[in-house]
Amino acid sequence: MSSEKKTLGQAIDEIVAALSALDEKARSTAIAAACAHLGLDAGQVPAPTPSAITPLAQPPQAPIATPHHQRDIRSLKEEKQPENAKEMACLVAFYLQQHAPATDRKDVVTVEDMVKYFKQAHYPLPKRIAQLLVDARHSGYFDPAERGTYRLNAVGYNLIAHALPRQSKAGK
C-alpha cells in the first residue's frame, strides 16, 4: 500500500473507478463493507454539499492512473513478483476474480486456467502442472470447489492483495 497522501478528488476518482466495474448489487455490498470497515453508518453518511464538491486541482488533461480492474495478467505478475508456482496460482485466481475482463471473470480456477494464464504472464509452467492446485490447496491458499476446481480463500487473497511484492530485508 502506498502511504502517498491523496486529494479528496483523487480518492473519489479511485472509489468511482473501482465501483464502476461492479453491478449495482455488488456496488451496494462494497459500499456497505467499506463503511463497516471504516466504522461509518452507511445509512447516515451525509450527502456532500455543493461547496464540498470542487473541481480537481489537476487539469483535465493530466494522466489518470489506470484502475486496477484493467490490468493484464503479465503486468500484475510483474507488480506482485510471485516467487513460486503456488504464489503464481494464487495470482491467477486473484486476477480472474478482480482484474480480468468482465467476460472472463470467475471465482473458481482449474488446471486449464493455470496453463493459459501462466503462459500469458510468461511465467514458467511447473513440471507437474496437474498437481499445482492440489499443492496450493495443501499450502492453505485454496479451498476445493467442485471436482477439479478450486476457490482462492482468504489466505491466498491476502497473499496477493497485501503481502506481495515482498519487501527486501535491506529496505526495511
Foldseek 3Di string as FASTA:
>chain_A
DDPDDDDPVLVVVLLCVQLVLDDPVVSVVVQCVVCVVVVHDSVPDDDDDPVVDDDDPDPPVPDRDDHQQADALQVLCVQQVDDDLLLSVLSLQCCLCRHDPPVRHDFKDALVSSVVSCVVNVHDQDPCSNCNVVVSVVVPQWDDDPPRITGGDPVSNCCSPPCGPPDDPVVD
